[in-house]
Amino acid sequence: MLEGGCQCGEVRYRVSGDPAHHALCHCRDCRASSSAPATAWMAFAAENFNVIKGKTVSYNSSGASWRHFCGQCGTGMYFINEQMLPGIVDIQSATLDDAQAHPPAAQIQTAERLDYMSDLAAMPQFERYPGQ
């Protein structure tokens, strides 16, 4: 059993069972909706997913794609597309209470990946904001 929620705590969810997959998605649609260069998605059977507190707002981002997010703080929560992924709820795994314990196992939609995401290890790294 895993739990997670939005930044402000207004929306909470619970999911059980094994994920079908867990991947970083590089597609343009995910980048646009998250304002990030990639989004981590963890797919579960829809019957194993429940919103246990609050209510999300949904947005039809393209075709049969529905993105659900907290209407209070804007945190992206989960994705449903019954045509492409029937019976699946894809949660944004960074919203898990213990996201560190569940690393993605693959990268998908790399044809749309931003070039600079290909070699992040080559970039300088700072444990905190540089200069502080």
N, C-alpha and C. Protein backbone atom coordinates (compact mmCIF):
# COMPACT_ATOMS: atom_id res chain seq x y z
N MET A 1 0.85 -1.18 0.00
CA MET A 1 0.00 0.00 0.00
C MET A 1 0.89 1.24 0.00
N LEU A 2 0.64 2.14 -0.93
CA LEU A 2 1.38 3.39 -1.01
C LEU A 2 0.40 4.55 -0.90
N GLU A 3 0.88 5.64 -0.32
CA GLU A 3 0.06 6.85 -0.23
C GLU A 3 0.85 8.03 -0.72
N GLY A 4 0.12 9.04 -1.15
CA GLY A 4 0.75 10.27 -1.60
C GLY A 4 -0.25 11.39 -1.60
N GLY A 5 0.21 12.56 -2.02
CA GLY A 5 -0.69 13.69 -2.05
C GLY A 5 -0.05 14.92 -2.67
N CYS A 6 -0.82 15.96 -2.68
CA CYS A 6 -0.38 17.22 -3.28
C CYS A 6 0.47 18.03 -2.30
N GLN A 7 1.01 19.12 -2.78
CA GLN A 7 1.89 19.96 -1.96
C GLN A 7 1.18 20.56 -0.75
N CYS A 8 -0.07 20.98 -0.91
CA CYS A 8 -0.77 21.65 0.20
C CYS A 8 -1.49 20.68 1.13
N GLY A 9 -1.62 19.40 0.74
CA GLY A 9 -2.28 18.41 1.58
C GLY A 9 -3.78 18.31 1.37
N GLU A 10 -4.32 19.09 0.46
CA GLU A 10 -5.76 19.08 0.19
C GLU A 10 -6.23 17.76 -0.43
N VAL A 11 -5.38 17.16 -1.28
CA VAL A 11 -5.73 15.91 -1.95
C VAL A 11 -4.74 14.82 -1.54
N ARG A 12 -5.28 13.67 -1.18
CA ARG A 12 -4.48 12.50 -0.80
C ARG A 12 -5.02 11.29 -1.56
N TYR A 13 -4.13 10.37 -1.89
CA TYR A 13 -4.54 9.14 -2.56
C TYR A 13 -3.84 7.94 -1.94
N ARG A 14 -4.39 6.77 -2.25
CA ARG A 14 -3.82 5.50 -1.80
C ARG A 14 -3.87 4.54 -2.98
N VAL A 15 -2.81 3.74 -3.13
CA VAL A 15 -2.76 2.76 -4.21
C VAL A 15 -2.14 1.47 -3.68
N SER A 16 -2.61 0.35 -4.19
CA SER A 16 -2.08 -0.94 -3.76
C SER A 16 -1.72 -1.78 -4.98
N GLY A 17 -1.04 -2.87 -4.73
CA GLY A 17 -0.64 -3.76 -5.81
C GLY A 17 0.70 -3.35 -6.40
N ASP A 18 1.13 -4.13 -7.36
CA ASP A 18 2.39 -3.86 -8.04
C ASP A 18 2.14 -2.95 -9.23
N PRO A 19 3.05 -2.01 -9.46
CA PRO A 19 2.88 -1.15 -10.64
C PRO A 19 3.14 -1.93 -11.93
N ALA A 20 2.43 -1.54 -12.98
CA ALA A 20 2.65 -2.14 -14.31
C ALA A 20 3.96 -1.64 -14.89
N HIS A 21 4.30 -0.40 -14.59
CA HIS A 21 5.57 0.18 -15.00
C HIS A 21 5.82 1.45 -14.20
N HIS A 22 7.06 1.91 -14.23
CA HIS A 22 7.44 3.17 -13.59
C HIS A 22 8.52 3.79 -14.45
N ALA A 23 8.21 4.89 -15.09
CA ALA A 23 9.13 5.47 -16.06
C ALA A 23 9.11 6.99 -16.04
N LEU A 24 10.23 7.56 -16.47
CA LEU A 24 10.31 8.99 -16.73
C LEU A 24 9.82 9.23 -18.15
N CYS A 25 8.83 10.09 -18.31
CA CYS A 25 8.30 10.39 -19.63
C CYS A 25 8.87 11.72 -20.10
N HIS A 26 9.36 11.74 -21.33
CA HIS A 26 9.96 12.93 -21.92
C HIS A 26 9.07 13.59 -22.97
N CYS A 27 7.83 13.17 -23.11
CA CYS A 27 7.00 13.72 -24.18
C CYS A 27 6.66 15.19 -23.93
N ARG A 28 6.39 15.86 -25.01
CA ARG A 28 6.10 17.30 -24.94
C ARG A 28 4.86 17.58 -24.09
N ASP A 29 3.83 16.74 -24.19
CA ASP A 29 2.60 16.94 -23.43
C ASP A 29 2.87 16.88 -21.93
N CYS A 30 3.65 15.90 -21.49
CA CYS A 30 3.99 15.79 -20.06
C CYS A 30 4.85 16.97 -19.62
N ARG A 31 5.79 17.37 -20.46
CA ARG A 31 6.63 18.52 -20.12
C ARG A 31 5.77 19.78 -19.96
N ALA A 32 4.84 19.98 -20.86
CA ALA A 32 3.99 21.17 -20.79
C ALA A 32 3.10 21.16 -19.54
N SER A 33 2.55 20.00 -19.21
CA SER A 33 1.63 19.96 -18.07
C SER A 33 2.35 20.05 -16.72
N SER A 34 3.60 19.61 -16.68
CA SER A 34 4.33 19.62 -15.40
C SER A 34 5.30 20.80 -15.28
N SER A 35 5.54 21.49 -16.38
CA SER A 35 6.54 22.57 -16.40
C SER A 35 7.91 22.05 -15.98
N ALA A 36 8.20 20.81 -16.35
CA ALA A 36 9.46 20.16 -16.01
C ALA A 36 9.97 19.42 -17.24
N PRO A 37 11.27 19.14 -17.31
CA PRO A 37 11.81 18.47 -18.49
C PRO A 37 11.42 17.00 -18.62
N ALA A 38 10.91 16.39 -17.57
CA ALA A 38 10.42 15.00 -17.60
C ALA A 38 9.48 14.80 -16.41
N THR A 39 8.62 13.82 -16.53
CA THR A 39 7.68 13.50 -15.45
C THR A 39 7.76 12.01 -15.16
N ALA A 40 7.85 11.65 -13.88
CA ALA A 40 7.89 10.25 -13.47
C ALA A 40 6.47 9.73 -13.28
N TRP A 41 6.13 8.66 -13.98
CA TRP A 41 4.80 8.05 -13.93
C TRP A 41 4.89 6.61 -13.44
N MET A 42 4.00 6.25 -12.54
CA MET A 42 3.92 4.89 -12.00
C MET A 42 2.49 4.40 -12.26
N ALA A 43 2.37 3.35 -13.08
CA ALA A 43 1.06 2.87 -13.53
C ALA A 43 0.52 1.75 -12.65
N PHE A 44 -0.74 1.90 -12.24
CA PHE A 44 -1.42 0.91 -11.42
C PHE A 44 -2.78 0.58 -12.01
N ALA A 45 -3.29 -0.59 -11.69
CA ALA A 45 -4.66 -0.94 -12.07
C ALA A 45 -5.61 0.06 -11.42
N ALA A 46 -6.55 0.56 -12.20
CA ALA A 46 -7.47 1.60 -11.72
C ALA A 46 -8.23 1.15 -10.47
N GLU A 47 -8.57 -0.11 -10.38
CA GLU A 47 -9.34 -0.58 -9.21
C GLU A 47 -8.52 -0.55 -7.92
N ASN A 48 -7.20 -0.39 -8.03
CA ASN A 48 -6.34 -0.34 -6.85
C ASN A 48 -6.00 1.09 -6.42
N PHE A 49 -6.59 2.07 -7.08
CA PHE A 49 -6.30 3.47 -6.82
C PHE A 49 -7.54 4.17 -6.25
N ASN A 50 -7.34 4.94 -5.17
CA ASN A 50 -8.44 5.70 -4.58
C ASN A 50 -7.96 7.06 -4.10
N VAL A 51 -8.73 8.09 -4.40
CA VAL A 51 -8.51 9.39 -3.77
C VAL A 51 -9.18 9.29 -2.41
N ILE A 52 -8.42 9.48 -1.35
CA ILE A 52 -8.94 9.28 0.01
C ILE A 52 -9.23 10.60 0.73
N LYS A 53 -8.81 11.71 0.15
CA LYS A 53 -9.09 13.02 0.74
C LYS A 53 -9.13 14.05 -0.37
N GLY A 54 -10.14 14.90 -0.32
CA GLY A 54 -10.25 15.99 -1.27
C GLY A 54 -10.74 15.53 -2.63
N LYS A 55 -10.64 16.42 -3.58
CA LYS A 55 -11.11 16.15 -4.94
C LYS A 55 -10.18 16.86 -5.91
N THR A 56 -9.83 16.17 -6.98
CA THR A 56 -8.97 16.77 -7.99
C THR A 56 -9.79 17.52 -9.03
N VAL A 57 -9.12 18.36 -9.76
CA VAL A 57 -9.67 19.02 -10.94
C VAL A 57 -9.06 18.29 -12.12
N SER A 58 -9.80 18.14 -13.21
CA SER A 58 -9.25 17.44 -14.36
C SER A 58 -9.19 18.36 -15.58
N TYR A 59 -8.26 18.02 -16.46
CA TYR A 59 -8.04 18.78 -17.69
C TYR A 59 -7.80 17.80 -18.82
N ASN A 60 -8.55 17.97 -19.92
CA ASN A 60 -8.36 17.13 -21.10
C ASN A 60 -7.23 17.73 -21.91
N SER A 61 -6.03 17.15 -21.76
CA SER A 61 -4.84 17.74 -22.38
C SER A 61 -4.72 17.39 -23.86
N SER A 62 -5.23 16.25 -24.27
CA SER A 62 -5.19 15.87 -25.68
C SER A 62 -5.97 14.59 -25.88
N GLY A 63 -6.87 14.59 -26.82
CA GLY A 63 -7.65 13.40 -27.13
C GLY A 63 -8.35 12.82 -25.91
N ALA A 64 -8.00 11.58 -25.57
CA ALA A 64 -8.62 10.89 -24.43
C ALA A 64 -7.79 11.04 -23.16
N SER A 65 -6.81 11.94 -23.17
CA SER A 65 -5.91 12.12 -22.01
C SER A 65 -6.51 13.08 -20.99
N TRP A 66 -6.68 12.59 -19.78
CA TRP A 66 -7.20 13.41 -18.69
C TRP A 66 -6.15 13.51 -17.59
N ARG A 67 -5.73 14.72 -17.28
CA ARG A 67 -4.75 14.99 -16.23
C ARG A 67 -5.50 15.54 -15.03
N HIS A 68 -5.20 14.97 -13.87
CA HIS A 68 -5.88 15.36 -12.63
C HIS A 68 -4.87 16.04 -11.71
N PHE A 69 -5.29 17.14 -11.12
CA PHE A 69 -4.40 17.93 -10.28
C PHE A 69 -5.18 18.56 -9.14
N CYS A 70 -4.46 19.03 -8.13
CA CYS A 70 -5.09 19.71 -7.00
C CYS A 70 -5.53 21.10 -7.45
N GLY A 71 -6.79 21.42 -7.24
CA GLY A 71 -7.30 22.74 -7.60
C GLY A 71 -6.83 23.84 -6.68
N GLN A 72 -6.29 23.48 -5.53
CA GLN A 72 -5.80 24.47 -4.57
C GLN A 72 -4.35 24.89 -4.86
N CYS A 73 -3.45 23.92 -4.95
CA CYS A 73 -2.02 24.24 -5.13
C CYS A 73 -1.50 23.95 -6.53
N GLY A 74 -2.25 23.22 -7.35
CA GLY A 74 -1.86 22.94 -8.72
C GLY A 74 -1.00 21.72 -8.94
N THR A 75 -0.68 20.98 -7.88
CA THR A 75 0.16 19.79 -8.03
C THR A 75 -0.50 18.77 -8.96
N GLY A 76 0.26 18.33 -9.98
CA GLY A 76 -0.21 17.25 -10.83
C GLY A 76 -0.24 15.96 -10.04
N MET A 77 -1.31 15.20 -10.17
CA MET A 77 -1.50 14.00 -9.34
C MET A 77 -1.52 12.70 -10.15
N TYR A 78 -2.40 12.61 -11.15
CA TYR A 78 -2.50 11.38 -11.91
C TYR A 78 -3.09 11.63 -13.29
N PHE A 79 -2.96 10.60 -14.15
CA PHE A 79 -3.31 10.67 -15.56
C PHE A 79 -4.13 9.45 -15.92
N ILE A 80 -5.17 9.66 -16.73
CA ILE A 80 -6.00 8.56 -17.22
C ILE A 80 -6.22 8.76 -18.72
N ASN A 81 -6.01 7.68 -19.47
CA ASN A 81 -6.32 7.66 -20.90
C ASN A 81 -6.84 6.27 -21.22
N GLU A 82 -8.15 6.12 -21.23
CA GLU A 82 -8.76 4.80 -21.42
C GLU A 82 -8.51 4.22 -22.80
N GLN A 83 -8.23 5.04 -23.80
CA GLN A 83 -7.94 4.51 -25.13
C GLN A 83 -6.53 3.92 -25.20
N MET A 84 -5.57 4.65 -24.66
CA MET A 84 -4.17 4.22 -24.74
C MET A 84 -3.79 3.26 -23.61
N LEU A 85 -4.32 3.50 -22.41
CA LEU A 85 -3.98 2.70 -21.22
C LEU A 85 -5.26 2.28 -20.50
N PRO A 86 -6.05 1.38 -21.10
CA PRO A 86 -7.32 1.01 -20.47
C PRO A 86 -7.13 0.36 -19.10
N GLY A 87 -7.93 0.82 -18.13
CA GLY A 87 -7.88 0.25 -16.79
C GLY A 87 -6.69 0.66 -15.97
N ILE A 88 -5.94 1.67 -16.43
CA ILE A 88 -4.71 2.10 -15.75
C ILE A 88 -4.85 3.53 -15.23
N VAL A 89 -4.33 3.75 -14.04
CA VAL A 89 -4.15 5.11 -13.51
C VAL A 89 -2.65 5.30 -13.37
N ASP A 90 -2.14 6.33 -14.01
CA ASP A 90 -0.71 6.67 -13.94
C ASP A 90 -0.56 7.79 -12.91
N ILE A 91 0.06 7.48 -11.78
CA ILE A 91 0.27 8.52 -10.78
C ILE A 91 1.62 9.19 -11.02
N GLN A 92 1.70 10.48 -10.71
CA GLN A 92 2.97 11.17 -10.75
C GLN A 92 3.72 10.75 -9.50
N SER A 93 4.70 9.88 -9.67
CA SER A 93 5.31 9.21 -8.53
C SER A 93 6.07 10.15 -7.60
N ALA A 94 6.41 11.34 -8.05
CA ALA A 94 7.06 12.30 -7.15
C ALA A 94 6.11 12.76 -6.05
N THR A 95 4.81 12.48 -6.20
CA THR A 95 3.83 12.85 -5.17
C THR A 95 3.67 11.78 -4.10
N LEU A 96 4.35 10.65 -4.25
CA LEU A 96 4.32 9.62 -3.20
C LEU A 96 4.95 10.16 -1.92
N ASP A 97 4.43 9.74 -0.79
CA ASP A 97 5.00 10.16 0.49
C ASP A 97 6.47 9.79 0.59
N ASP A 98 6.84 8.63 0.04
CA ASP A 98 8.23 8.18 0.06
C ASP A 98 8.70 7.96 -1.38
N ALA A 99 8.72 9.03 -2.16
CA ALA A 99 9.10 8.94 -3.57
C ALA A 99 10.53 8.41 -3.74
N GLN A 100 11.40 8.72 -2.81
CA GLN A 100 12.80 8.28 -2.88
C GLN A 100 12.91 6.75 -2.92
N ALA A 101 11.97 6.07 -2.29
CA ALA A 101 12.02 4.60 -2.20
C ALA A 101 11.55 3.91 -3.48
N HIS A 102 11.09 4.69 -4.46
CA HIS A 102 10.51 4.10 -5.67
C HIS A 102 11.08 4.76 -6.92
N PRO A 103 12.32 4.41 -7.30
CA PRO A 103 12.93 5.02 -8.48
C PRO A 103 12.33 4.48 -9.77
N PRO A 104 12.22 5.31 -10.79
CA PRO A 104 11.76 4.83 -12.10
C PRO A 104 12.75 3.79 -12.66
N ALA A 105 12.23 2.90 -13.50
CA ALA A 105 13.05 1.83 -14.06
C ALA A 105 13.37 2.05 -15.53
N ALA A 106 12.77 3.07 -16.15
CA ALA A 106 12.98 3.29 -17.58
C ALA A 106 12.69 4.74 -17.94
N GLN A 107 13.08 5.10 -19.15
CA GLN A 107 12.72 6.39 -19.74
C GLN A 107 11.91 6.10 -20.99
N ILE A 108 10.81 6.84 -21.17
CA ILE A 108 9.95 6.64 -22.34
C ILE A 108 9.80 7.95 -23.10
N GLN A 109 9.35 7.82 -24.33
CA GLN A 109 9.16 8.96 -25.22
C GLN A 109 10.46 9.74 -25.41
N THR A 110 11.57 9.03 -25.45
CA THR A 110 12.87 9.69 -25.58
C THR A 110 13.05 10.37 -26.94
N ALA A 111 12.23 10.05 -27.91
CA ALA A 111 12.28 10.75 -29.20
C ALA A 111 11.97 12.24 -29.02
N GLU A 112 11.26 12.57 -27.94
CA GLU A 112 10.90 13.96 -27.65
C GLU A 112 11.73 14.56 -26.52
N ARG A 113 12.70 13.81 -26.02
CA ARG A 113 13.53 14.26 -24.90
C ARG A 113 14.31 15.52 -25.28
N LEU A 114 14.38 16.47 -24.37
CA LEU A 114 15.22 17.64 -24.55
C LEU A 114 16.67 17.18 -24.59
N ASP A 115 17.45 17.70 -25.53
CA ASP A 115 18.82 17.24 -25.71
C ASP A 115 19.64 17.28 -24.42
N TYR A 116 19.48 18.32 -23.63
CA TYR A 116 20.31 18.44 -22.42
C TYR A 116 19.99 17.39 -21.37
N MET A 117 18.88 16.69 -21.50
CA MET A 117 18.53 15.65 -20.53
C MET A 117 19.29 14.34 -20.78
N SER A 118 19.97 14.23 -21.91
CA SER A 118 20.67 13.00 -22.26
C SER A 118 21.90 12.71 -21.41
N ASP A 119 22.54 13.77 -20.89
CA ASP A 119 23.78 13.56 -20.15
C ASP A 119 23.84 14.46 -18.91
N LEU A 120 22.89 14.29 -18.03
CA LEU A 120 22.83 15.13 -16.82
C LEU A 120 24.03 14.95 -15.92
N ALA A 121 24.62 13.76 -15.92
CA ALA A 121 25.76 13.50 -15.04
C ALA A 121 26.97 14.37 -15.40
N ALA A 122 27.03 14.87 -16.62
CA ALA A 122 28.16 15.72 -17.04
C ALA A 122 28.03 17.15 -16.54
N MET A 123 26.87 17.54 -16.07
CA MET A 123 26.66 18.92 -15.60
C MET A 123 27.22 19.09 -14.19
N PRO A 124 27.70 20.28 -13.85
CA PRO A 124 28.12 20.53 -12.47
C PRO A 124 26.95 20.28 -11.52
N GLN A 125 27.27 19.80 -10.33
CA GLN A 125 26.23 19.50 -9.33
C GLN A 125 26.52 20.25 -8.05
N PHE A 126 25.48 20.73 -7.41
CA PHE A 126 25.58 21.47 -6.14
C PHE A 126 24.55 20.88 -5.18
N GLU A 127 24.95 20.60 -3.96
CA GLU A 127 24.01 20.04 -2.99
C GLU A 127 22.90 21.01 -2.63
N ARG A 128 23.17 22.27 -2.69
CA ARG A 128 22.19 23.33 -2.43
C ARG A 128 22.37 24.41 -3.47
N TYR A 129 21.59 25.45 -3.39
CA TYR A 129 21.69 26.56 -4.34
C TYR A 129 23.09 27.13 -4.32
N PRO A 130 23.77 27.24 -5.48
CA PRO A 130 25.15 27.73 -5.52
C PRO A 130 25.28 29.12 -4.88
N GLY A 131 26.36 29.30 -4.14
CA GLY A 131 26.63 30.61 -3.54
C GLY A 131 26.02 30.81 -2.15
N GLN A 132 25.34 29.80 -1.66
CA GLN A 132 24.73 29.94 -0.33
C GLN A 132 25.31 28.93 0.62
